[in-house]
Amino acid sequence: MTVLRQILILAGLTVLGFAIYVLLFWVGVGSSMTILFYRGVALAIVTAILVGLLAIWAARRTGDSSLPIAAAALSLSFNICFLVLLPVTVDRSVSVYLLSTIEQRQMSSAELQRAFIDGYVVKMGAIDRRIDEQRRSGNITVSPDGKVRLTAQGERFMAFSRFIARLFGTDPRFVSGGSAPAPRREAH
């Protein structure tokens, strides 16, 4: 099989895998999983398996035994990248919330801050939702008196997050509870 033909088959299977992935979301498969990221990863794995199975048929016709593994891996990779870049960003982004608030009416920075606190934090229960999410993820526990504390898994996650923040130069305040100084950004 020529390289071009293999690329075209893999591209077609990737597009098909993306269509299946979106369809699974759209029809509500896995909707009982309330954490979007986990649901998205699970559906990406299911889709990769389906694409791999479809690729077995194509592999028999082309004689390329590597096609099912390559197609499944490519489908999984593409769908996970899509999940993280768009749906998870839209679902969790403070910036998207602020833009949607501004879209409804123009306001000053102070008005926007108040709208964010009242709307996102209070009315939408942002803190309670995040506590529930992190409890389900195993990163925290909530004691009978209501105190929230990190589990050993949560401590490992935070150590890993600080490592990633240092490695990629992200704002250290997000991994230090706000206690780290603001990063100095160079003008570009």
N, C-alpha and C. Protein backbone atom coordinates (compact mmCIF):
# COMPACT_ATOMS: atom_id res chain seq x y z
N MET A 1 0.85 -1.17 0.00
CA MET A 1 0.00 0.00 0.00
C MET A 1 0.89 1.24 0.00
N THR A 2 0.52 2.23 -0.78
CA THR A 2 1.32 3.44 -0.85
C THR A 2 1.13 4.27 0.42
N VAL A 3 2.11 5.10 0.68
CA VAL A 3 2.05 5.95 1.87
C VAL A 3 0.86 6.90 1.76
N LEU A 4 0.64 7.46 0.58
CA LEU A 4 -0.48 8.39 0.40
C LEU A 4 -1.81 7.71 0.70
N ARG A 5 -1.97 6.50 0.22
CA ARG A 5 -3.22 5.77 0.46
C ARG A 5 -3.39 5.50 1.96
N GLN A 6 -2.31 5.12 2.63
CA GLN A 6 -2.37 4.87 4.07
C GLN A 6 -2.75 6.15 4.82
N ILE A 7 -2.17 7.27 4.42
CA ILE A 7 -2.49 8.55 5.06
C ILE A 7 -3.96 8.89 4.85
N LEU A 8 -4.45 8.69 3.64
CA LEU A 8 -5.86 9.00 3.34
C LEU A 8 -6.80 8.10 4.14
N ILE A 9 -6.47 6.83 4.26
CA ILE A 9 -7.31 5.91 5.05
C ILE A 9 -7.30 6.33 6.52
N LEU A 10 -6.12 6.64 7.06
CA LEU A 10 -6.04 7.08 8.46
C LEU A 10 -6.78 8.39 8.68
N ALA A 11 -6.65 9.32 7.73
CA ALA A 11 -7.36 10.60 7.85
C ALA A 11 -8.87 10.35 7.84
N GLY A 12 -9.32 9.50 6.93
CA GLY A 12 -10.75 9.20 6.86
C GLY A 12 -11.26 8.55 8.13
N LEU A 13 -10.49 7.62 8.67
CA LEU A 13 -10.89 6.96 9.92
C LEU A 13 -10.87 7.93 11.10
N THR A 14 -9.95 8.89 11.08
CA THR A 14 -9.89 9.90 12.14
C THR A 14 -11.13 10.79 12.08
N VAL A 15 -11.50 11.22 10.87
CA VAL A 15 -12.70 12.05 10.70
C VAL A 15 -13.94 11.25 11.13
N LEU A 16 -14.00 10.00 10.72
CA LEU A 16 -15.12 9.14 11.12
C LEU A 16 -15.15 8.99 12.65
N GLY A 17 -13.98 8.80 13.25
CA GLY A 17 -13.90 8.69 14.71
C GLY A 17 -14.36 9.96 15.40
N PHE A 18 -14.03 11.10 14.84
CA PHE A 18 -14.48 12.37 15.42
C PHE A 18 -16.00 12.49 15.32
N ALA A 19 -16.54 12.09 14.17
CA ALA A 19 -17.99 12.14 13.99
C ALA A 19 -18.69 11.22 14.99
N ILE A 20 -18.15 10.04 15.19
CA ILE A 20 -18.72 9.10 16.17
C ILE A 20 -18.64 9.70 17.57
N TYR A 21 -17.50 10.30 17.89
CA TYR A 21 -17.27 10.91 19.21
C TYR A 21 -18.31 12.00 19.49
N VAL A 22 -18.49 12.89 18.54
CA VAL A 22 -19.46 13.98 18.71
C VAL A 22 -20.87 13.40 18.82
N LEU A 23 -21.18 12.41 18.00
CA LEU A 23 -22.50 11.78 18.04
C LEU A 23 -22.77 11.13 19.41
N LEU A 24 -21.77 10.45 19.96
CA LEU A 24 -21.93 9.83 21.28
C LEU A 24 -22.26 10.89 22.34
N PHE A 25 -21.57 12.03 22.27
CA PHE A 25 -21.87 13.13 23.20
C PHE A 25 -23.29 13.64 22.96
N TRP A 26 -23.62 13.87 21.70
CA TRP A 26 -24.88 14.50 21.33
C TRP A 26 -26.08 13.66 21.76
N VAL A 27 -25.99 12.33 21.63
CA VAL A 27 -27.12 11.48 22.01
C VAL A 27 -27.13 11.16 23.51
N GLY A 28 -26.12 11.62 24.24
CA GLY A 28 -26.13 11.49 25.69
C GLY A 28 -25.49 10.24 26.26
N VAL A 29 -24.68 9.55 25.47
CA VAL A 29 -24.00 8.36 25.99
C VAL A 29 -23.08 8.79 27.15
N GLY A 30 -23.18 8.11 28.24
CA GLY A 30 -22.33 8.41 29.40
C GLY A 30 -22.74 9.66 30.15
N SER A 31 -23.95 10.15 29.92
CA SER A 31 -24.36 11.41 30.56
C SER A 31 -24.47 11.29 32.08
N SER A 32 -24.48 10.07 32.60
CA SER A 32 -24.50 9.92 34.06
C SER A 32 -23.15 10.29 34.67
N MET A 33 -22.11 10.34 33.83
CA MET A 33 -20.80 10.82 34.30
C MET A 33 -20.86 12.34 34.30
N THR A 34 -20.90 12.93 35.47
CA THR A 34 -21.14 14.37 35.55
C THR A 34 -19.89 15.22 35.36
N ILE A 35 -18.73 14.62 35.40
CA ILE A 35 -17.49 15.37 35.17
C ILE A 35 -17.16 15.25 33.68
N LEU A 36 -17.28 16.36 32.97
CA LEU A 36 -17.13 16.38 31.52
C LEU A 36 -15.82 15.75 31.05
N PHE A 37 -14.73 16.05 31.72
CA PHE A 37 -13.43 15.52 31.29
C PHE A 37 -13.42 14.00 31.34
N TYR A 38 -13.91 13.42 32.43
CA TYR A 38 -13.92 11.96 32.56
C TYR A 38 -14.85 11.33 31.53
N ARG A 39 -16.00 11.94 31.32
CA ARG A 39 -16.92 11.43 30.30
C ARG A 39 -16.26 11.49 28.93
N GLY A 40 -15.60 12.60 28.65
CA GLY A 40 -14.93 12.75 27.36
C GLY A 40 -13.83 11.74 27.13
N VAL A 41 -13.05 11.47 28.16
CA VAL A 41 -11.99 10.46 28.04
C VAL A 41 -12.60 9.08 27.81
N ALA A 42 -13.64 8.76 28.57
CA ALA A 42 -14.29 7.45 28.40
C ALA A 42 -14.86 7.29 26.99
N LEU A 43 -15.51 8.33 26.49
CA LEU A 43 -16.07 8.26 25.14
C LEU A 43 -14.97 8.22 24.08
N ALA A 44 -13.85 8.88 24.33
CA ALA A 44 -12.72 8.82 23.39
C ALA A 44 -12.16 7.40 23.32
N ILE A 45 -12.11 6.72 24.45
CA ILE A 45 -11.63 5.33 24.47
C ILE A 45 -12.61 4.43 23.73
N VAL A 46 -13.90 4.59 24.00
CA VAL A 46 -14.92 3.79 23.29
C VAL A 46 -14.82 4.03 21.79
N THR A 47 -14.69 5.30 21.40
CA THR A 47 -14.58 5.64 19.98
C THR A 47 -13.33 5.03 19.37
N ALA A 48 -12.21 5.08 20.08
CA ALA A 48 -10.97 4.50 19.55
C ALA A 48 -11.13 3.00 19.32
N ILE A 49 -11.81 2.33 20.23
CA ILE A 49 -12.06 0.89 20.05
C ILE A 49 -12.92 0.65 18.82
N LEU A 50 -13.99 1.45 18.66
CA LEU A 50 -14.85 1.31 17.49
C LEU A 50 -14.08 1.56 16.19
N VAL A 51 -13.27 2.61 16.19
CA VAL A 51 -12.47 2.92 14.99
C VAL A 51 -11.47 1.80 14.73
N GLY A 52 -10.86 1.28 15.77
CA GLY A 52 -9.93 0.16 15.60
C GLY A 52 -10.62 -1.05 14.99
N LEU A 53 -11.84 -1.32 15.44
CA LEU A 53 -12.60 -2.45 14.88
C LEU A 53 -12.96 -2.20 13.41
N LEU A 54 -13.35 -0.97 13.09
CA LEU A 54 -13.62 -0.63 11.69
C LEU A 54 -12.35 -0.75 10.84
N ALA A 55 -11.23 -0.38 11.44
CA ALA A 55 -9.96 -0.43 10.71
C ALA A 55 -9.52 -1.87 10.43
N ILE A 56 -9.99 -2.82 11.22
CA ILE A 56 -9.67 -4.23 10.94
C ILE A 56 -10.21 -4.60 9.56
N TRP A 57 -11.42 -4.14 9.27
CA TRP A 57 -12.00 -4.39 7.95
C TRP A 57 -11.13 -3.77 6.85
N ALA A 58 -10.71 -2.52 7.06
CA ALA A 58 -9.86 -1.85 6.06
C ALA A 58 -8.51 -2.55 5.95
N ALA A 59 -7.99 -3.04 7.07
CA ALA A 59 -6.69 -3.72 7.06
C ALA A 59 -6.75 -5.01 6.25
N ARG A 60 -7.85 -5.70 6.34
CA ARG A 60 -8.01 -6.94 5.55
C ARG A 60 -8.01 -6.63 4.06
N ARG A 61 -8.62 -5.52 3.69
CA ARG A 61 -8.69 -5.16 2.27
C ARG A 61 -7.36 -4.63 1.74
N THR A 62 -6.59 -3.98 2.61
CA THR A 62 -5.34 -3.36 2.15
C THR A 62 -4.11 -4.20 2.47
N GLY A 63 -4.25 -5.14 3.38
CA GLY A 63 -3.10 -5.94 3.78
C GLY A 63 -2.18 -5.25 4.76
N ASP A 64 -2.63 -4.15 5.37
CA ASP A 64 -1.81 -3.40 6.32
C ASP A 64 -2.26 -3.74 7.74
N SER A 65 -1.54 -4.63 8.39
CA SER A 65 -1.93 -5.09 9.73
C SER A 65 -1.73 -4.02 10.81
N SER A 66 -0.98 -2.97 10.52
CA SER A 66 -0.77 -1.91 11.52
C SER A 66 -1.92 -0.90 11.54
N LEU A 67 -2.78 -0.96 10.56
CA LEU A 67 -3.85 0.03 10.42
C LEU A 67 -4.79 0.12 11.63
N PRO A 68 -5.28 -0.98 12.19
CA PRO A 68 -6.20 -0.84 13.34
C PRO A 68 -5.58 -0.13 14.54
N ILE A 69 -4.34 -0.46 14.87
CA ILE A 69 -3.69 0.19 16.01
C ILE A 69 -3.44 1.66 15.71
N ALA A 70 -2.94 1.95 14.51
CA ALA A 70 -2.67 3.34 14.14
C ALA A 70 -3.96 4.16 14.13
N ALA A 71 -5.02 3.61 13.57
CA ALA A 71 -6.29 4.33 13.49
C ALA A 71 -6.87 4.58 14.88
N ALA A 72 -6.82 3.57 15.74
CA ALA A 72 -7.35 3.72 17.10
C ALA A 72 -6.54 4.76 17.88
N ALA A 73 -5.22 4.70 17.76
CA ALA A 73 -4.35 5.66 18.47
C ALA A 73 -4.58 7.08 17.96
N LEU A 74 -4.70 7.22 16.66
CA LEU A 74 -4.92 8.55 16.08
C LEU A 74 -6.28 9.10 16.49
N SER A 75 -7.30 8.26 16.47
CA SER A 75 -8.64 8.68 16.89
C SER A 75 -8.63 9.11 18.36
N LEU A 76 -8.03 8.30 19.21
CA LEU A 76 -7.96 8.63 20.64
C LEU A 76 -7.23 9.95 20.85
N SER A 77 -6.09 10.11 20.21
CA SER A 77 -5.29 11.33 20.37
C SER A 77 -6.05 12.56 19.89
N PHE A 78 -6.64 12.47 18.71
CA PHE A 78 -7.36 13.62 18.16
C PHE A 78 -8.53 14.00 19.06
N ASN A 79 -9.31 13.01 19.48
CA ASN A 79 -10.50 13.31 20.28
C ASN A 79 -10.16 13.84 21.66
N ILE A 80 -9.09 13.35 22.27
CA ILE A 80 -8.66 13.88 23.57
C ILE A 80 -8.18 15.33 23.41
N CYS A 81 -7.41 15.61 22.37
CA CYS A 81 -6.96 16.99 22.12
C CYS A 81 -8.16 17.91 21.93
N PHE A 82 -9.12 17.47 21.13
CA PHE A 82 -10.33 18.27 20.91
C PHE A 82 -11.05 18.51 22.24
N LEU A 83 -11.23 17.46 23.02
CA LEU A 83 -11.92 17.55 24.31
C LEU A 83 -11.30 18.62 25.20
N VAL A 84 -9.98 18.58 25.32
CA VAL A 84 -9.28 19.50 26.23
C VAL A 84 -9.28 20.93 25.68
N LEU A 85 -9.11 21.07 24.37
CA LEU A 85 -9.03 22.40 23.79
C LEU A 85 -10.37 23.12 23.72
N LEU A 86 -11.45 22.42 23.48
CA LEU A 86 -12.72 23.12 23.31
C LEU A 86 -13.76 22.81 24.40
N PRO A 87 -14.38 21.64 24.45
CA PRO A 87 -15.45 21.46 25.44
C PRO A 87 -15.02 21.72 26.89
N VAL A 88 -13.88 21.19 27.30
CA VAL A 88 -13.45 21.39 28.70
C VAL A 88 -13.12 22.86 28.94
N THR A 89 -12.51 23.52 27.97
CA THR A 89 -12.20 24.94 28.12
C THR A 89 -13.48 25.76 28.25
N VAL A 90 -14.46 25.49 27.39
CA VAL A 90 -15.72 26.22 27.46
C VAL A 90 -16.42 25.93 28.79
N ASP A 91 -16.39 24.69 29.23
CA ASP A 91 -17.06 24.29 30.47
C ASP A 91 -16.44 24.92 31.71
N ARG A 92 -15.14 25.12 31.71
CA ARG A 92 -14.44 25.54 32.93
C ARG A 92 -13.89 26.96 32.88
N SER A 93 -13.98 27.61 31.76
CA SER A 93 -13.26 28.86 31.57
C SER A 93 -13.94 30.07 32.21
N VAL A 94 -13.20 30.73 33.06
CA VAL A 94 -13.65 32.00 33.62
C VAL A 94 -13.74 33.02 32.49
N SER A 95 -12.80 32.99 31.57
CA SER A 95 -12.80 33.94 30.46
C SER A 95 -14.06 33.82 29.62
N VAL A 96 -14.48 32.59 29.32
CA VAL A 96 -15.70 32.39 28.53
C VAL A 96 -16.91 32.92 29.29
N TYR A 97 -16.96 32.68 30.59
CA TYR A 97 -18.07 33.21 31.40
C TYR A 97 -18.08 34.74 31.35
N LEU A 98 -16.91 35.35 31.51
CA LEU A 98 -16.84 36.81 31.47
C LEU A 98 -17.26 37.35 30.11
N LEU A 99 -16.81 36.71 29.04
CA LEU A 99 -17.20 37.15 27.69
C LEU A 99 -18.71 37.04 27.49
N SER A 100 -19.31 35.97 28.00
CA SER A 100 -20.77 35.82 27.85
C SER A 100 -21.51 36.88 28.66
N THR A 101 -20.95 37.28 29.79
CA THR A 101 -21.55 38.33 30.61
C THR A 101 -21.46 39.67 29.89
N ILE A 102 -20.29 39.96 29.32
CA ILE A 102 -20.09 41.20 28.57
C ILE A 102 -20.98 41.23 27.33
N GLU A 103 -21.18 40.07 26.72
CA GLU A 103 -22.02 39.97 25.53
C GLU A 103 -23.45 40.45 25.84
N GLN A 104 -23.91 40.19 27.07
CA GLN A 104 -25.26 40.60 27.45
C GLN A 104 -25.36 42.10 27.68
N ARG A 105 -24.30 42.69 28.25
CA ARG A 105 -24.27 44.15 28.40
C ARG A 105 -22.86 44.60 28.76
N GLN A 106 -22.51 45.79 28.28
CA GLN A 106 -21.21 46.36 28.61
C GLN A 106 -21.20 46.75 30.08
N MET A 107 -20.02 46.64 30.70
CA MET A 107 -19.91 47.02 32.10
C MET A 107 -18.46 47.34 32.44
N SER A 108 -18.27 48.02 33.54
CA SER A 108 -16.93 48.35 34.00
C SER A 108 -16.27 47.11 34.59
N SER A 109 -14.99 47.22 34.85
CA SER A 109 -14.25 46.12 35.46
C SER A 109 -14.83 45.78 36.84
N ALA A 110 -15.16 46.80 37.62
CA ALA A 110 -15.73 46.57 38.95
C ALA A 110 -17.10 45.89 38.85
N GLU A 111 -17.92 46.32 37.87
CA GLU A 111 -19.23 45.68 37.68
C GLU A 111 -19.06 44.23 37.24
N LEU A 112 -18.07 44.00 36.40
CA LEU A 112 -17.80 42.65 35.91
C LEU A 112 -17.35 41.74 37.06
N GLN A 113 -16.52 42.27 37.95
CA GLN A 113 -16.08 41.49 39.11
C GLN A 113 -17.27 41.13 39.99
N ARG A 114 -18.14 42.08 40.23
CA ARG A 114 -19.33 41.82 41.06
C ARG A 114 -20.24 40.80 40.37
N ALA A 115 -20.43 40.95 39.05
CA ALA A 115 -21.27 40.01 38.29
C ALA A 115 -20.68 38.60 38.34
N PHE A 116 -19.36 38.52 38.29
CA PHE A 116 -18.69 37.21 38.35
C PHE A 116 -18.91 36.56 39.71
N ILE A 117 -18.68 37.31 40.77
CA ILE A 117 -18.84 36.75 42.12
C ILE A 117 -20.30 36.35 42.36
N ASP A 118 -21.22 37.26 42.03
CA ASP A 118 -22.64 36.97 42.26
C ASP A 118 -23.15 35.83 41.37
N GLY A 119 -22.78 35.87 40.11
CA GLY A 119 -23.30 34.89 39.15
C GLY A 119 -22.56 33.57 39.16
N TYR A 120 -21.27 33.62 38.89
CA TYR A 120 -20.49 32.39 38.73
C TYR A 120 -20.22 31.71 40.06
N VAL A 121 -19.72 32.47 41.01
CA VAL A 121 -19.31 31.87 42.28
C VAL A 121 -20.53 31.53 43.15
N VAL A 122 -21.46 32.48 43.32
CA VAL A 122 -22.57 32.27 44.24
C VAL A 122 -23.73 31.54 43.58
N LYS A 123 -24.37 32.15 42.58
CA LYS A 123 -25.58 31.56 41.99
C LYS A 123 -25.33 30.22 41.31
N MET A 124 -24.19 30.09 40.64
CA MET A 124 -23.89 28.83 39.95
C MET A 124 -23.21 27.82 40.87
N GLY A 125 -22.96 28.21 42.11
CA GLY A 125 -22.39 27.28 43.09
C GLY A 125 -21.02 26.75 42.69
N ALA A 126 -20.17 27.63 42.17
CA ALA A 126 -18.87 27.19 41.64
C ALA A 126 -18.03 26.45 42.67
N ILE A 127 -18.01 26.92 43.89
CA ILE A 127 -17.17 26.28 44.91
C ILE A 127 -17.73 24.90 45.26
N ASP A 128 -19.02 24.82 45.50
CA ASP A 128 -19.62 23.52 45.83
C ASP A 128 -19.45 22.52 44.69
N ARG A 129 -19.60 22.99 43.44
CA ARG A 129 -19.41 22.09 42.29
C ARG A 129 -17.97 21.58 42.23
N ARG A 130 -17.01 22.45 42.48
CA ARG A 130 -15.61 22.03 42.44
C ARG A 130 -15.28 21.10 43.60
N ILE A 131 -15.84 21.36 44.77
CA ILE A 131 -15.63 20.45 45.91
C ILE A 131 -16.18 19.07 45.57
N ASP A 132 -17.39 19.02 45.02
CA ASP A 132 -17.98 17.73 44.66
C ASP A 132 -17.13 17.03 43.60
N GLU A 133 -16.69 17.77 42.62
CA GLU A 133 -15.85 17.20 41.55
C GLU A 133 -14.55 16.63 42.10
N GLN A 134 -13.88 17.38 42.95
CA GLN A 134 -12.60 16.92 43.49
C GLN A 134 -12.78 15.78 44.49
N ARG A 135 -13.90 15.76 45.19
CA ARG A 135 -14.21 14.64 46.08
C ARG A 135 -14.41 13.37 45.25
N ARG A 136 -15.17 13.49 44.16
CA ARG A 136 -15.40 12.34 43.27
C ARG A 136 -14.10 11.87 42.62
N SER A 137 -13.22 12.81 42.35
CA SER A 137 -11.93 12.47 41.74
C SER A 137 -10.97 11.83 42.73
N GLY A 138 -11.26 11.96 44.02
CA GLY A 138 -10.40 11.37 45.03
C GLY A 138 -9.29 12.28 45.52
N ASN A 139 -9.36 13.57 45.17
CA ASN A 139 -8.31 14.51 45.58
C ASN A 139 -8.56 15.14 46.93
N ILE A 140 -9.81 15.12 47.40
CA ILE A 140 -10.15 15.71 48.70
C ILE A 140 -11.14 14.83 49.43
N THR A 141 -11.24 15.08 50.72
CA THR A 141 -12.31 14.51 51.53
C THR A 141 -12.95 15.66 52.29
N VAL A 142 -14.20 15.46 52.68
CA VAL A 142 -14.91 16.46 53.48
C VAL A 142 -15.28 15.78 54.79
N SER A 143 -14.78 16.34 55.90
CA SER A 143 -15.04 15.74 57.21
C SER A 143 -16.46 16.07 57.65
N PRO A 144 -16.97 15.36 58.66
CA PRO A 144 -18.34 15.61 59.15
C PRO A 144 -18.56 17.07 59.58
N ASP A 145 -17.49 17.74 60.04
CA ASP A 145 -17.66 19.14 60.45
C ASP A 145 -17.53 20.11 59.26
N GLY A 146 -17.42 19.56 58.04
CA GLY A 146 -17.40 20.39 56.84
C GLY A 146 -16.02 20.83 56.37
N LYS A 147 -14.98 20.44 57.08
CA LYS A 147 -13.62 20.82 56.68
C LYS A 147 -13.20 20.00 55.47
N VAL A 148 -12.59 20.68 54.51
CA VAL A 148 -12.12 20.02 53.29
C VAL A 148 -10.61 19.88 53.39
N ARG A 149 -10.11 18.67 53.10
CA ARG A 149 -8.66 18.47 53.14
C ARG A 149 -8.23 17.61 51.96
N LEU A 150 -6.96 17.78 51.59
CA LEU A 150 -6.39 16.98 50.51
C LEU A 150 -6.18 15.55 50.96
N THR A 151 -6.40 14.62 50.06
CA THR A 151 -6.03 13.23 50.29
C THR A 151 -4.58 13.06 49.84
N ALA A 152 -4.01 11.89 50.05
CA ALA A 152 -2.65 11.62 49.56
C ALA A 152 -2.61 11.78 48.04
N GLN A 153 -3.67 11.33 47.37
CA GLN A 153 -3.74 11.51 45.92
C GLN A 153 -3.76 12.99 45.56
N GLY A 154 -4.52 13.78 46.31
CA GLY A 154 -4.59 15.22 46.08
C GLY A 154 -3.24 15.89 46.28
N GLU A 155 -2.49 15.44 47.29
CA GLU A 155 -1.15 15.99 47.53
C GLU A 155 -0.22 15.66 46.37
N ARG A 156 -0.31 14.44 45.86
CA ARG A 156 0.51 14.06 44.69
C ARG A 156 0.11 14.89 43.47
N PHE A 157 -1.19 15.09 43.30
CA PHE A 157 -1.65 15.89 42.17
C PHE A 157 -1.13 17.32 42.25
N MET A 158 -1.15 17.90 43.45
CA MET A 158 -0.65 19.27 43.61
C MET A 158 0.86 19.35 43.38
N ALA A 159 1.61 18.37 43.84
CA ALA A 159 3.05 18.35 43.58
C ALA A 159 3.31 18.26 42.08
N PHE A 160 2.56 17.41 41.40
CA PHE A 160 2.69 17.28 39.94
C PHE A 160 2.29 18.59 39.26
N SER A 161 1.22 19.23 39.73
CA SER A 161 0.77 20.49 39.14
C SER A 161 1.81 21.59 39.30
N ARG A 162 2.47 21.65 40.47
CA ARG A 162 3.52 22.65 40.67
C ARG A 162 4.71 22.38 39.74
N PHE A 163 5.04 21.10 39.55
CA PHE A 163 6.11 20.73 38.61
C PHE A 163 5.76 21.20 37.20
N ILE A 164 4.54 20.93 36.76
CA ILE A 164 4.10 21.34 35.42
C ILE A 164 4.11 22.86 35.31
N ALA A 165 3.66 23.55 36.36
CA ALA A 165 3.65 25.02 36.34
C ALA A 165 5.06 25.57 36.18
N ARG A 166 6.02 24.99 36.91
CA ARG A 166 7.41 25.44 36.77
C ARG A 166 7.96 25.11 35.38
N LEU A 167 7.67 23.91 34.91
CA LEU A 167 8.19 23.46 33.62
C LEU A 167 7.71 24.34 32.47
N PHE A 168 6.44 24.75 32.51
CA PHE A 168 5.86 25.52 31.41
C PHE A 168 5.70 27.00 31.72
N GLY A 169 6.17 27.43 32.89
CA GLY A 169 6.15 28.85 33.22
C GLY A 169 4.75 29.43 33.38
N THR A 170 3.81 28.63 33.90
CA THR A 170 2.46 29.17 34.11
C THR A 170 2.43 29.98 35.41
N ASP A 171 1.35 30.67 35.63
CA ASP A 171 1.21 31.53 36.80
C ASP A 171 1.27 30.67 38.07
N PRO A 172 2.30 30.87 38.91
CA PRO A 172 2.46 30.02 40.10
C PRO A 172 1.37 30.23 41.15
N ARG A 173 0.63 31.32 41.06
CA ARG A 173 -0.43 31.57 42.05
C ARG A 173 -1.53 30.51 41.98
N PHE A 174 -1.71 29.90 40.79
CA PHE A 174 -2.77 28.90 40.65
C PHE A 174 -2.42 27.58 41.35
N VAL A 175 -1.16 27.36 41.65
CA VAL A 175 -0.75 26.11 42.30
C VAL A 175 -0.18 26.35 43.69
N SER A 176 -0.36 27.58 44.20
CA SER A 176 0.15 27.91 45.54
C SER A 176 -0.93 28.52 46.42
N GLY A 177 -2.18 28.36 46.02
CA GLY A 177 -3.27 28.96 46.80
C GLY A 177 -3.22 30.47 46.80
N GLY A 178 -2.58 31.05 45.78
CA GLY A 178 -2.50 32.49 45.66
C GLY A 178 -1.36 33.12 46.43
N SER A 179 -0.55 32.31 47.14
CA SER A 179 0.50 32.88 47.99
C SER A 179 1.79 33.20 47.23
N ALA A 180 1.98 32.65 46.05
CA ALA A 180 3.20 32.94 45.28
C ALA A 180 3.09 34.33 44.65
N PRO A 181 4.22 34.98 44.42
CA PRO A 181 4.16 36.28 43.74
C PRO A 181 3.73 36.12 42.28
N ALA A 182 3.14 37.17 41.76
CA ALA A 182 2.73 37.16 40.35
C ALA A 182 3.97 37.01 39.47
N PRO A 183 3.86 36.28 38.39
CA PRO A 183 5.02 36.10 37.51
C PRO A 183 5.33 37.40 36.77
N ARG A 184 6.62 37.57 36.48
CA ARG A 184 7.01 38.72 35.65
C ARG A 184 6.93 38.27 34.21
N ARG A 185 6.18 38.99 33.42
CA ARG A 185 6.03 38.66 32.00
C ARG A 185 6.86 39.64 31.18
N GLU A 186 7.58 39.09 30.22
CA GLU A 186 8.35 39.94 29.33
C GLU A 186 7.44 40.47 28.25
N ALA A 187 7.67 41.72 27.86
CA ALA A 187 6.89 42.31 26.77
C ALA A 187 7.32 41.69 25.45
N HIS A 188 6.36 41.43 24.61
CA HIS A 188 6.66 40.85 23.30
C HIS A 188 6.36 41.83 22.21
